[in-house]
Protein backbone atom coordinates (compact mmCIF):
# COMPACT_ATOMS: atom_id res chain seq x y z
CA MET A 1 -23.31 12.33 17.02
CA SER A 2 -26.06 9.81 17.91
CA THR A 3 -26.25 8.02 21.18
CA SER A 4 -25.64 4.75 19.69
CA TYR A 5 -22.35 5.96 18.09
CA ARG A 6 -21.20 7.64 21.19
CA ASN A 7 -21.85 4.21 22.97
CA ARG A 8 -19.90 2.38 20.32
CA ILE A 9 -16.93 4.77 20.81
CA GLN A 10 -17.25 3.94 24.54
CA GLU A 11 -17.09 0.34 23.79
CA PHE A 12 -13.83 0.69 21.82
CA LYS A 13 -12.43 2.84 24.52
CA VAL A 14 -13.05 0.24 27.02
CA ALA A 15 -11.55 -2.42 24.93
CA LEU A 16 -8.30 -0.60 24.29
CA GLU A 17 -7.83 0.40 27.81
CA GLU A 18 -7.32 -3.20 28.89
CA GLU A 19 -3.73 -3.87 30.00
CA LYS A 20 -3.85 -6.99 27.80
CA ILE A 21 -6.23 -6.46 24.91
CA ASN A 22 -8.66 -9.18 24.04
CA LEU A 23 -7.94 -9.65 20.48
CA LYS A 24 -11.11 -11.60 19.55
CA ALA A 25 -13.45 -9.16 21.21
CA LEU A 26 -11.62 -6.22 19.59
CA CYS A 27 -11.90 -8.16 16.06
CA GLU A 28 -15.65 -8.48 16.73
CA LEU A 29 -15.96 -4.72 17.48
CA CYS A 30 -13.89 -3.78 14.41
CA PHE A 31 -15.63 -5.95 12.00
CA SER A 32 -18.69 -3.54 11.96
CA GLY A 33 -16.42 -0.54 11.41
CA ILE A 34 -14.13 1.43 13.50
CA PRO A 35 -14.48 5.03 14.76
CA PHE A 36 -12.04 7.75 13.73
CA GLU A 37 -12.55 9.78 16.87
CA GLY A 38 -9.78 9.89 19.22
CA GLY A 39 -7.35 7.88 16.96
CA ILE A 40 -9.32 4.78 17.70
CA ARG A 41 -9.11 3.42 14.03
CA ALA A 42 -5.16 4.13 13.80
CA GLN A 43 -4.69 2.25 17.05
CA CYS A 44 -6.95 -0.51 16.22
CA TRP A 45 -5.27 -0.97 12.55
CA LYS A 46 -1.79 -1.21 14.39
CA ILE A 47 -3.07 -4.01 16.52
CA LEU A 48 -5.00 -5.83 13.74
CA LEU A 49 -1.94 -5.84 11.31
CA ASN A 50 0.10 -7.49 14.12
CA TYR A 51 2.29 -4.46 14.76
CA LEU A 52 1.25 -3.50 18.34
CA PRO A 53 1.42 -6.55 20.70
CA PRO A 54 -1.89 -7.06 22.83
CA ASP A 55 0.07 -6.38 25.94
CA GLN A 56 0.13 -2.62 26.30
CA SER A 57 2.97 -2.66 28.98
CA LEU A 58 5.26 -3.51 26.14
CA TRP A 59 4.10 -0.76 23.80
CA GLU A 60 6.56 2.18 24.80
CA SER A 61 9.64 0.04 24.59
CA PHE A 62 8.55 -1.77 21.36
CA LEU A 63 7.55 1.37 19.50
CA LYS A 64 10.74 2.88 20.43
CA LYS A 65 12.91 0.02 19.20
CA GLN A 66 10.78 -0.04 15.98
CA ARG A 67 10.96 3.63 15.24
CA GLU A 68 14.71 3.59 15.84
CA LEU A 69 15.03 0.65 13.48
CA TYR A 70 13.34 2.57 10.71
CA THR A 71 15.61 5.56 11.25
CA GLN A 72 18.50 3.09 10.78
CA PHE A 73 16.93 1.98 7.53
CA LEU A 74 16.83 5.60 6.33
CA LYS A 75 20.43 6.03 7.16
CA GLU A 76 21.64 2.90 5.43
CA MET A 77 19.39 2.99 2.34
CA ILE A 78 18.79 6.58 1.32
CA ILE A 79 22.52 7.57 1.02
CA GLN A 80 24.19 8.46 -2.13
CA PRO A 81 27.57 6.57 -2.66
CA GLY A 82 30.37 9.29 -2.92
CA ILE A 83 28.84 11.97 -0.86
CA ALA A 84 30.55 11.12 2.30
CA LYS A 85 34.03 11.33 0.57
CA ALA A 86 33.03 14.47 -1.40
CA ASN A 87 32.17 15.99 2.20
CA LEU A 88 35.58 15.00 3.54
CA GLY A 89 37.31 17.07 0.93
CA LEU A 90 39.22 14.02 -0.59
CA SER A 91 40.84 14.55 -3.98
CA ARG A 92 40.13 12.83 -7.29
CA GLU A 93 43.25 10.77 -6.66
CA ASP A 94 41.67 9.50 -3.29
CA VAL A 95 38.74 7.90 -5.10
CA THR A 96 39.35 4.12 -5.67
CA LEU A 97 37.78 2.03 -8.47
CA GLU A 98 35.31 0.76 -5.71
CA ASP A 99 34.05 4.37 -5.41
CA HIS A 100 33.94 5.03 -9.10
CA PRO A 101 30.62 5.25 -10.97
CA LEU A 102 32.11 3.13 -13.81
CA ASN A 103 33.00 0.27 -11.57
CA PRO A 104 32.02 -2.76 -13.59
CA ASN A 105 31.52 -4.93 -10.49
CA PRO A 106 27.67 -5.78 -10.41
CA ASP A 107 27.81 -5.55 -6.63
CA SER A 108 29.43 -2.13 -6.59
CA ARG A 109 27.62 0.50 -4.61
CA TRP A 110 27.28 2.57 -7.73
CA ASN A 111 25.77 -0.22 -9.71
CA ASN A 112 23.32 -0.89 -6.97
CA TYR A 113 22.67 2.96 -6.71
CA PHE A 114 21.61 3.05 -10.53
CA LYS A 115 19.52 0.07 -10.11
CA ASP A 116 17.72 1.47 -7.25
CA ASN A 117 17.10 4.62 -9.22
CA GLU A 118 15.31 2.63 -11.92
CA VAL A 119 12.97 1.34 -9.14
CA LEU A 120 12.64 4.77 -7.59
CA LEU A 121 11.42 6.36 -10.86
CA GLN A 122 8.52 3.91 -11.08
CA ILE A 123 7.51 4.57 -7.45
CA ASP A 124 7.91 8.20 -8.11
CA LYS A 125 5.57 8.25 -10.99
CA ASP A 126 2.96 6.38 -9.07
CA VAL A 127 3.12 8.22 -5.67
CA ARG A 128 2.84 11.65 -7.26
CA ARG A 129 -0.59 10.67 -8.66
CA LEU A 130 -1.80 8.93 -5.55
CA TYR A 131 -5.59 9.73 -4.96
CA PRO A 132 -5.69 12.72 -7.39
CA ASP A 133 -9.19 13.43 -6.40
CA MET A 134 -8.18 14.56 -2.90
CA ALA A 135 -5.60 17.11 -1.77
CA PHE A 136 -4.09 15.53 1.02
CA PHE A 137 -1.13 13.68 -0.47
CA GLN A 138 -0.07 16.97 -2.17
CA ARG A 139 -0.18 18.84 1.05
CA PRO A 140 2.99 19.29 3.47
CA THR A 141 3.25 16.88 6.32
CA ASP A 142 3.55 18.48 9.74
CA TYR A 143 6.31 16.22 10.52
CA PRO A 144 8.89 16.27 7.64
CA CYS A 145 11.81 13.87 8.12
CA GLN A 146 14.72 16.13 9.52
CA LEU A 147 17.24 13.27 9.16
CA ILE A 148 16.63 13.60 5.49
CA LEU A 149 16.18 17.11 5.15
CA ASP A 150 19.17 18.35 7.36
CA PRO A 151 21.89 19.55 4.77
CA GLN A 152 24.58 18.82 7.17
CA ASN A 153 24.06 15.06 6.92
CA ASP A 154 25.41 12.75 4.28
CA TYR A 155 21.81 11.94 3.08
CA GLU A 156 19.87 13.40 0.20
CA THR A 157 16.15 13.36 -0.51
CA LEU A 158 14.73 11.00 -2.93
CA ARG A 159 13.25 14.05 -4.53
CA ARG A 160 16.82 15.34 -5.40
CA ARG A 161 17.79 11.94 -6.74
CA VAL A 162 14.96 11.95 -9.08
CA GLU A 163 15.44 15.48 -10.21
CA GLN A 164 19.39 15.31 -10.55
CA THR A 165 19.83 11.77 -12.12
CA THR A 166 19.18 11.18 -15.85
CA LEU A 167 17.48 7.75 -15.61
CA LYS A 168 16.85 5.38 -18.40
CA ALA A 169 13.17 4.43 -19.26
CA GLN A 170 12.02 1.22 -18.05
CA THR A 171 10.91 -1.67 -20.16
CA VAL A 172 7.72 -2.50 -18.56
CA ASP A 173 6.23 -6.00 -18.23
CA ARG A 174 2.27 -5.61 -18.83
CA ASN A 175 1.63 -9.32 -19.21
CA ARG A 176 -0.44 -9.26 -15.90
CA SER A 177 -3.58 -7.18 -15.65
CA GLY A 178 -3.00 -3.90 -14.21
CA VAL A 179 0.28 -4.61 -12.36
CA THR A 180 3.51 -3.60 -13.73
CA ASN A 181 7.15 -4.76 -12.93
CA VAL A 182 10.11 -2.67 -13.66
CA SER A 183 12.58 -4.60 -15.80
CA SER A 184 15.37 -3.78 -18.21
CA PRO A 185 16.26 -0.22 -19.18
CA GLY A 186 15.79 1.14 -22.47
CA LYS A 187 16.37 4.42 -24.13
CA SER A 188 17.18 7.66 -22.20
CA LEU A 189 14.35 10.19 -21.59
CA ASN A 190 14.00 13.65 -20.34
CA LEU A 191 12.67 13.53 -16.86
CA TYR A 192 9.33 15.30 -15.90
CA PRO A 193 9.49 18.34 -18.54
CA SER A 194 6.01 19.35 -17.30
CA ASN A 195 5.26 21.47 -14.10
CA GLU A 196 2.92 18.65 -13.04
CA TYR A 197 6.03 17.46 -11.09
CA GLU A 198 6.72 20.61 -9.10
CA VAL A 199 7.44 19.87 -5.48
CA LEU A 200 7.31 21.75 -2.26
CA PRO A 201 10.02 24.28 -1.23
CA ASN A 202 13.17 23.06 0.50
CA GLY A 203 12.39 22.20 4.10
CA CYS A 204 8.85 20.88 3.33
CA GLU A 205 7.75 17.49 2.29
CA ALA A 206 4.45 16.55 0.72
CA HIS A 207 2.75 13.36 2.20
CA TRP A 208 3.34 11.55 -1.33
CA GLU A 209 7.11 11.98 -0.61
CA VAL A 210 6.75 10.05 2.64
CA VAL A 211 4.83 7.31 0.94
CA GLU A 212 7.58 7.19 -1.73
CA ARG A 213 10.19 6.94 0.94
CA ILE A 214 8.42 4.09 2.62
CA LEU A 215 8.01 2.19 -0.62
CA PHE A 216 11.62 2.61 -1.57
CA ILE A 217 12.81 1.32 1.78
CA TYR A 218 10.47 -1.52 1.39
CA ALA A 219 11.89 -2.44 -2.18
CA LYS A 220 15.43 -2.29 -0.64
CA LEU A 221 14.51 -4.65 2.10
CA ASN A 222 12.66 -6.98 -0.22
CA PRO A 223 14.81 -7.49 -3.37
CA GLY A 224 12.74 -10.65 -4.21
CA ILE A 225 9.62 -8.41 -5.02
CA ALA A 226 11.02 -5.03 -4.82
CA TYR A 227 8.35 -2.60 -5.98
CA VAL A 228 5.30 -3.62 -8.10
CA GLN A 229 2.87 -1.02 -9.49
CA GLY A 230 -0.22 -0.95 -7.18
CA MET A 231 1.73 -1.26 -3.92
CA ASN A 232 1.27 2.55 -3.74
CA GLU A 233 -2.50 2.04 -3.42
CA ILE A 234 -2.01 -0.21 -0.47
CA VAL A 235 0.30 1.90 1.54
CA GLY A 236 -1.67 5.08 0.72
CA PRO A 237 -4.91 4.18 2.96
CA ILE A 238 -2.72 3.07 5.74
CA TYR A 239 -0.41 6.13 5.71
CA TYR A 240 -3.59 8.30 5.45
CA THR A 241 -5.16 6.79 8.46
CA PHE A 242 -1.97 7.27 10.69
CA ALA A 243 -0.99 10.67 9.43
CA THR A 244 -4.57 12.07 10.20
CA ASP A 245 -4.67 10.48 13.78
CA PRO A 246 -5.77 13.30 16.04
CA ASN A 247 -3.17 12.39 18.60
CA ASP A 248 -0.04 14.22 17.75
CA ASP A 249 2.16 11.68 19.55
CA TRP A 250 1.05 8.97 17.17
CA LYS A 251 0.83 11.16 14.16
CA GLU A 252 4.40 12.37 14.49
CA HIS A 253 5.64 8.77 13.89
CA ALA A 254 3.14 7.99 11.11
CA GLU A 255 5.85 7.20 8.57
CA ALA A 256 7.74 4.38 10.53
CA ASP A 257 4.39 2.87 11.86
CA THR A 258 2.95 2.64 8.19
CA PHE A 259 6.21 1.12 7.14
CA PHE A 260 5.99 -1.74 9.56
CA CYS A 261 2.20 -2.11 9.26
CA PHE A 262 2.43 -2.22 5.38
CA THR A 263 5.35 -4.71 5.66
CA ASN A 264 3.11 -7.10 7.74
CA LEU A 265 0.32 -6.71 5.39
CA MET A 266 2.54 -7.47 2.41
CA SER A 267 3.86 -10.53 4.11
CA GLU A 268 0.41 -12.00 3.96
CA ASN A 269 -0.46 -10.58 0.50
CA ARG A 270 2.79 -10.42 -1.24
CA ASP A 271 2.44 -13.75 -3.22
CA MET A 272 -0.11 -12.11 -5.34
CA PHE A 273 2.30 -9.71 -6.62
CA ILE A 274 4.98 -12.28 -7.38
CA LYS A 275 4.60 -13.40 -11.11
CA SER A 276 6.53 -16.82 -10.66
CA LEU A 277 3.66 -17.85 -8.01
CA ASP A 278 0.69 -16.81 -10.16
CA ASP A 279 -0.34 -20.37 -10.72
CA SER A 280 0.34 -21.61 -7.20
CA GLN A 281 -2.16 -22.12 -4.50
CA CYS A 282 -1.05 -18.86 -2.84
CA GLY A 283 -1.00 -16.84 -6.29
CA ILE A 284 -3.27 -14.50 -7.91
CA THR A 285 -4.69 -17.08 -10.45
CA TYR A 286 -5.92 -19.29 -7.80
CA LYS A 287 -7.49 -16.32 -5.82
CA MET A 288 -9.24 -15.12 -9.06
CA GLU A 289 -10.68 -18.62 -9.90
CA SER A 290 -11.86 -18.76 -6.11
CA VAL A 291 -14.15 -15.77 -6.79
CA PHE A 292 -15.69 -17.54 -9.69
CA SER A 293 -15.77 -20.98 -7.74
CA MET A 294 -17.58 -19.17 -4.99
CA LEU A 295 -20.06 -17.31 -7.35
CA LYS A 296 -20.86 -20.88 -9.07
CA GLU A 297 -21.83 -22.13 -5.55
CA LYS A 298 -23.84 -18.99 -4.52
CA ASP A 299 -25.41 -17.95 -7.88
CA MET A 300 -25.24 -20.69 -10.73
CA ASP A 301 -27.33 -18.63 -13.34
CA LEU A 302 -24.99 -15.61 -12.94
CA TYR A 303 -21.88 -17.79 -13.06
CA LEU A 304 -23.30 -19.36 -16.38
CA LYS A 305 -24.03 -16.00 -17.83
CA LEU A 306 -20.46 -14.80 -17.16
CA LEU A 307 -19.04 -17.97 -18.62
CA GLU A 308 -21.31 -17.87 -21.80
CA GLN A 309 -20.04 -14.30 -22.51
CA ASN A 310 -16.39 -15.45 -21.93
CA ILE A 311 -15.95 -12.95 -19.13
CA LYS A 312 -12.95 -14.31 -17.32
CA PRO A 313 -12.14 -13.53 -13.62
CA GLN A 314 -8.75 -11.87 -14.48
CA TYR A 315 -10.61 -9.14 -16.57
CA PHE A 316 -11.65 -7.52 -13.41
CA THR A 317 -10.83 -9.46 -10.24
CA PHE A 318 -7.19 -9.07 -10.62
CA ARG A 319 -7.30 -5.37 -9.60
CA TRP A 320 -10.05 -6.12 -6.90
CA LEU A 321 -8.00 -8.68 -5.22
CA THR A 322 -4.34 -7.39 -5.50
CA LEU A 323 -5.14 -3.90 -4.55
CA LEU A 324 -7.80 -4.87 -1.77
CA LEU A 325 -10.49 -2.80 -3.67
CA SER A 326 -8.52 0.39 -3.26
CA GLN A 327 -9.32 1.54 -6.66
CA GLU A 328 -12.85 0.63 -6.80
CA PHE A 329 -14.10 3.07 -4.10
CA LEU A 330 -13.56 6.39 -2.61
CA LEU A 331 -10.70 6.50 0.12
CA PRO A 332 -13.13 6.67 2.99
CA ASP A 333 -15.06 3.77 1.79
CA VAL A 334 -11.83 1.78 1.19
CA ILE A 335 -10.82 2.45 4.70
CA ARG A 336 -14.15 1.38 5.81
CA ILE A 337 -13.80 -2.08 3.90
CA TRP A 338 -10.39 -2.54 5.33
CA ASP A 339 -11.81 -2.05 8.91
CA THR A 340 -13.67 -5.21 8.13
CA LEU A 341 -10.94 -7.12 6.22
CA PHE A 342 -8.37 -6.37 8.86
CA SER A 343 -10.63 -7.71 11.59
CA ASP A 344 -11.53 -10.84 10.00
CA GLN A 345 -9.48 -13.85 11.00
CA ASP A 346 -8.99 -14.98 7.47
CA ARG A 347 -9.00 -11.75 5.89
CA PHE A 348 -8.16 -12.60 2.34
CA HIS A 349 -10.87 -15.23 2.30
CA PHE A 350 -13.31 -12.48 3.31
CA LEU A 351 -12.03 -10.36 0.41
CA ILE A 352 -13.36 -13.38 -1.88
CA LEU A 353 -16.56 -13.19 -0.30
CA VAL A 354 -16.75 -9.30 -0.80
CA CYS A 355 -15.99 -9.83 -4.42
CA CYS A 356 -18.67 -12.36 -4.83
CA ALA A 357 -21.08 -10.07 -3.02
CA MET A 358 -20.23 -7.35 -5.51
CA LEU A 359 -21.20 -9.60 -8.42
CA THR A 360 -24.46 -10.81 -6.86
CA LEU A 361 -25.57 -7.27 -5.95
CA ILE A 362 -25.42 -6.34 -9.68
CA ARG A 363 -26.78 -9.74 -10.91
CA ASP A 364 -29.90 -8.37 -12.73
CA GLN A 365 -27.91 -5.91 -14.61
CA LEU A 366 -25.20 -8.48 -15.49
CA LEU A 367 -27.86 -11.08 -16.58
CA ALA A 368 -29.59 -8.40 -18.87
CA GLY A 369 -26.42 -7.11 -20.21
CA ASP A 370 -24.19 -7.99 -23.14
CA PHE A 371 -20.34 -8.41 -22.94
CA THR A 372 -19.55 -4.80 -23.49
CA ILE A 373 -22.05 -3.41 -20.97
CA ASN A 374 -21.02 -6.05 -18.46
CA MET A 375 -17.37 -5.48 -18.86
CA ARG A 376 -18.12 -1.67 -18.07
CA LEU A 377 -20.18 -2.52 -14.97
CA LEU A 378 -17.38 -4.65 -13.69
CA GLN A 379 -14.42 -2.36 -14.47
CA ASP A 380 -16.28 0.62 -13.11
CA TYR A 381 -18.41 -0.97 -10.34
CA PRO A 382 -21.74 0.98 -10.01
CA ILE A 383 -22.58 0.48 -6.35
CA SER A 384 -20.94 2.87 -3.77
CA ASP A 385 -22.61 1.95 -0.71
CA VAL A 386 -19.99 -0.25 0.95
CA HIS A 387 -22.29 -1.02 3.85
CA THR A 388 -24.58 -2.90 1.52
CA ILE A 389 -21.64 -4.94 -0.03
CA LEU A 390 -20.22 -5.87 3.36
CA THR A 391 -23.41 -6.82 4.69
CA LYS A 392 -24.02 -9.02 1.69
CA ALA A 393 -20.62 -10.51 2.13
CA LYS A 394 -21.43 -11.34 5.76
CA GLU A 395 -24.66 -13.12 4.57
CA LEU A 396 -22.51 -15.25 2.09
CA GLN A 397 -20.14 -16.14 4.93
CA ASP A 398 -22.89 -17.31 7.15
CA GLU A 399 -24.41 -19.38 4.54
CA SER A 400 -21.17 -21.42 4.15
């Protein structure tokens, strides 16, 4: 470890030891990257994502309250209708129409349960394949959720719901590039016949199962947006950062802390996932066009070249913007980009600057290429050095 890096770690420690953290000073530090050592990054992200208040004297009571709240969410939202009565030994005659799976009432608990399972199946498919190039998400967590795993409780794992319930296939809306919405059910299918979907033994939970639970709770609490494919790519880096915190006291609560940080991030970003808002000023179409507007301002020749080849921003910027570049780079590089995004006061404007920087850094290749070559460049971005990209984005910001 170089002397300059040790000094940088010390700067962060000093900033984080203040009773009332100076947010402006911390953001300036974080903008150039946050050290992993000592759990500094995990702590900074919790502050930058407006989870931890700047006043450290409030942290203990605040965290206790939030983690208890998350436990309550688990109790209320991952319970199978009918289990409690079955455990009480009630006979078939004791079951009312309200408790019956064939209850036609659209607001019945069973009807909601079946609807939830449609969303759950989509989440399950996505999280099982989260970051397949690394083993972390398939490994068991050191802190499995005992509330869910305890057989004495009236709660079952989401794993069991997926395994035991024959779900109907979703009709998937693919009108929007890369993001998929669960909609009406279609014909029945056989769930997961392949051993690709094997899970850990009872009593253990893989990290992907924790991510699944976070997304399921989020979908239940936010029915207006529920779950949209791609949200798993946003939860993944946050959870990874918290679940690898070297401080066990923080790592033990990675699930609850990730849930609230993800919820806060989505409160700023969710409009890009809502189709009805696509063409509004807060929607994804406006954001995509903003990348091209900025490119026109910064590099007219490149802008005209893309226009001439009819390369539209939605062909590649849709994924860049909605998923915060999480699919364009390896996870450590995504995390480094997010250090800067989270610390910028207008983080989603800076994301547009980063996208514009990515274009200008391959301008020579784009100017020389035809439509096919350029689309390949844009959909499989060739530069892996995120430091170069972030430096260029900062230059573009300073020019404005």
